[in-house]
Protein backbone atom coordinates (compact mmCIF):
# COMPACT_ATOMS: atom_id res chain seq x y z
CA MET A 1 -38.16 4.71 17.07
CA LEU A 2 -38.59 1.93 20.11
CA ILE A 3 -38.18 -0.88 17.14
CA ALA A 4 -35.15 0.74 16.20
CA CYS A 5 -33.76 0.76 19.98
CA LEU A 6 -35.08 -2.65 20.51
CA ALA A 7 -33.10 -3.38 16.80
CA ILE A 8 -29.83 -1.97 18.26
CA LEU A 9 -29.96 -3.48 21.85
CA SER A 10 -30.50 -6.68 20.08
CA GLY A 11 -27.88 -6.33 17.76
CA LEU A 12 -25.29 -5.65 20.74
CA PHE A 13 -26.16 -8.31 22.44
CA PHE A 14 -25.52 -10.85 19.69
CA ALA A 15 -22.48 -9.38 18.79
CA TRP A 16 -21.31 -9.66 22.54
CA LEU A 17 -22.44 -13.24 22.25
CA LYS A 18 -20.56 -13.71 19.01
CA SER A 19 -17.64 -12.26 20.43
CA LEU A 20 -18.00 -14.80 23.10
CA LEU A 21 -17.70 -17.46 20.36
CA GLY A 22 -14.67 -16.05 18.95
CA ALA A 23 -16.47 -15.32 15.48
CA ASP A 24 -15.45 -12.38 13.08
CA THR A 25 -18.38 -9.75 12.57
CA GLY A 26 -19.51 -10.91 9.38
CA ASN A 27 -21.51 -8.86 6.75
CA ALA A 28 -20.69 -5.39 8.70
CA GLU A 29 -16.61 -6.18 8.23
CA SER A 30 -17.37 -7.06 4.60
CA ILE A 31 -19.26 -3.79 3.77
CA ASN A 32 -16.79 -1.57 5.61
CA GLN A 33 -13.70 -3.21 3.76
CA GLN A 34 -16.14 -1.94 0.30
CA VAL A 35 -16.71 1.31 2.20
CA ASN A 36 -12.64 1.80 2.60
CA ILE A 37 -12.38 1.60 -1.06
CA ASN A 38 -15.39 3.64 -2.17
CA LEU A 39 -17.71 5.78 -0.01
CA ALA A 40 -20.64 5.17 -2.39
CA TYR A 41 -21.02 1.58 -0.96
CA LEU A 42 -22.66 3.37 1.79
CA LEU A 43 -25.85 3.85 -0.14
CA MET A 44 -26.38 -0.15 -0.08
CA PRO A 45 -26.66 -0.73 3.59
CA LEU A 46 -27.76 2.60 4.83
CA LEU A 47 -30.33 3.34 2.06
CA ILE A 48 -31.22 0.95 -0.85
CA SER A 49 -31.04 -2.48 1.04
CA PRO A 50 -33.43 -1.46 3.67
CA VAL A 51 -36.12 -0.33 1.51
CA ILE A 52 -35.66 -3.51 -0.95
CA GLU A 53 -35.45 -5.97 2.01
CA GLU A 54 -38.47 -4.37 3.64
CA TRP A 55 -40.43 -4.28 0.38
CA ILE A 56 -39.67 -8.12 -0.08
CA PHE A 57 -39.53 -9.77 3.70
CA ARG A 58 -42.02 -7.52 5.50
CA LYS A 59 -44.85 -6.73 2.69
CA SER A 60 -44.51 -9.01 -0.47
CA LEU A 61 -43.17 -12.32 0.68
CA PRO A 62 -45.61 -12.58 3.75
CA GLY A 63 -48.30 -11.77 1.58
CA LEU A 64 -47.48 -14.51 -0.96
CA LEU A 65 -46.88 -16.84 1.77
CA GLN A 66 -49.92 -16.10 3.74
CA ARG A 67 -52.05 -17.83 0.48
CA LYS A 68 -50.74 -21.24 1.93
CA LEU A 69 -49.94 -20.28 5.68
CA PRO A 70 -51.56 -18.60 8.56
CA LYS A 71 -50.19 -15.13 8.85
CA PRO A 72 -47.97 -15.77 11.71
CA ALA A 73 -46.25 -18.66 10.12
CA ALA A 74 -45.89 -16.73 6.85
CA ILE A 75 -44.11 -13.92 8.60
CA ILE A 76 -41.36 -16.55 10.58
CA LEU A 77 -40.77 -18.29 7.38
CA SER A 78 -39.91 -14.56 5.77
CA ASN A 79 -37.84 -13.74 8.37
CA ILE A 80 -35.89 -17.20 8.52
CA LEU A 81 -35.26 -16.17 4.89
CA PHE A 82 -34.23 -12.78 5.77
CA ALA A 83 -31.81 -14.02 8.25
CA ILE A 84 -30.18 -16.74 5.93
CA LEU A 85 -30.08 -14.52 2.76
CA HIS A 86 -27.88 -12.44 4.73
CA GLY A 87 -25.24 -15.02 4.51
CA ASP A 88 -23.93 -14.62 7.86
CA TRP A 89 -23.52 -18.16 9.59
CA PHE A 90 -24.76 -16.48 12.94
CA ILE A 91 -28.63 -16.02 11.58
CA PHE A 92 -30.04 -14.94 15.06
CA PRO A 93 -29.62 -11.21 14.87
CA TYR A 94 -31.15 -10.85 11.53
CA PHE A 95 -33.77 -12.86 12.51
CA VAL A 96 -34.64 -11.32 15.56
CA ASN A 97 -34.29 -7.64 13.90
CA GLY A 98 -36.47 -9.07 10.99
CA CYS A 99 -39.34 -9.99 13.44
CA LEU A 100 -39.10 -6.54 15.36
CA TYR A 101 -39.38 -4.91 11.67
CA ALA A 102 -42.31 -7.32 10.87
CA TYR A 103 -43.94 -6.23 14.26
CA SER A 104 -43.87 -2.43 13.43
CA TYR A 105 -45.10 -2.97 9.97
CA GLU A 106 -48.20 -5.25 11.21
CA ARG A 107 -48.70 -2.85 13.82
CA THR A 108 -48.46 0.28 11.63
CA GLY A 109 -49.55 -1.17 8.26
CA ASP A 110 -46.82 1.52 7.23
CA LEU A 111 -43.62 0.18 5.22
CA ARG A 112 -42.00 3.28 6.40
CA VAL A 113 -41.32 2.30 9.93
CA PRO A 114 -39.27 -0.63 9.38
CA VAL A 115 -37.50 1.09 6.86
CA PHE A 116 -36.45 3.70 9.19
CA SER A 117 -35.80 1.37 11.87
CA HIS A 118 -33.90 -0.85 9.46
CA VAL A 119 -31.79 1.94 8.27
CA LEU A 120 -30.95 3.24 12.01
CA TYR A 121 -29.81 0.06 12.60
CA ASN A 122 -27.52 -0.41 9.95
CA ALA A 123 -25.95 2.75 10.31
CA PHE A 124 -25.45 1.97 14.25
CA VAL A 125 -23.54 -1.22 13.09
CA PHE A 126 -21.54 0.71 10.42
CA ALA A 127 -20.77 3.23 12.90
CA THR A 128 -19.46 0.69 15.65
CA THR A 129 -17.67 -1.75 13.38
CA TYR A 130 -16.06 1.03 11.52
CA ILE A 131 -15.19 3.10 14.70
CA PHE A 132 -13.96 -0.17 16.52
CA ALA A 133 -12.02 -1.32 13.44
CA VAL A 134 -9.95 1.69 13.45
């Protein structure tokens, strides 16, 4: 739960910073547009993506990268890829939150912990961007 709260605080900070730069909301805005068309699109950011992303970027990819790199480098590289693949030019919140999720996985050894944090974060982002867009 602490990781989810830290991820939300990180997201709020970066949203504030992004607004100072006059940038759009990126991924969240795009997802909200899809949800307005079909409510089933909520399944992707709230359930499917967190499970797949956490399995790839916290478990599988770092494990593969550790064959050639030290563990910290593997985790950082995995989180850089996680951030870039979100397709938003402002990658910092994705990287920071990815590191938080990685920390929670490394600390507990249980992939459900970062998945739960990721789901809560995505739900928070969706709710706030949807509420403020209306």
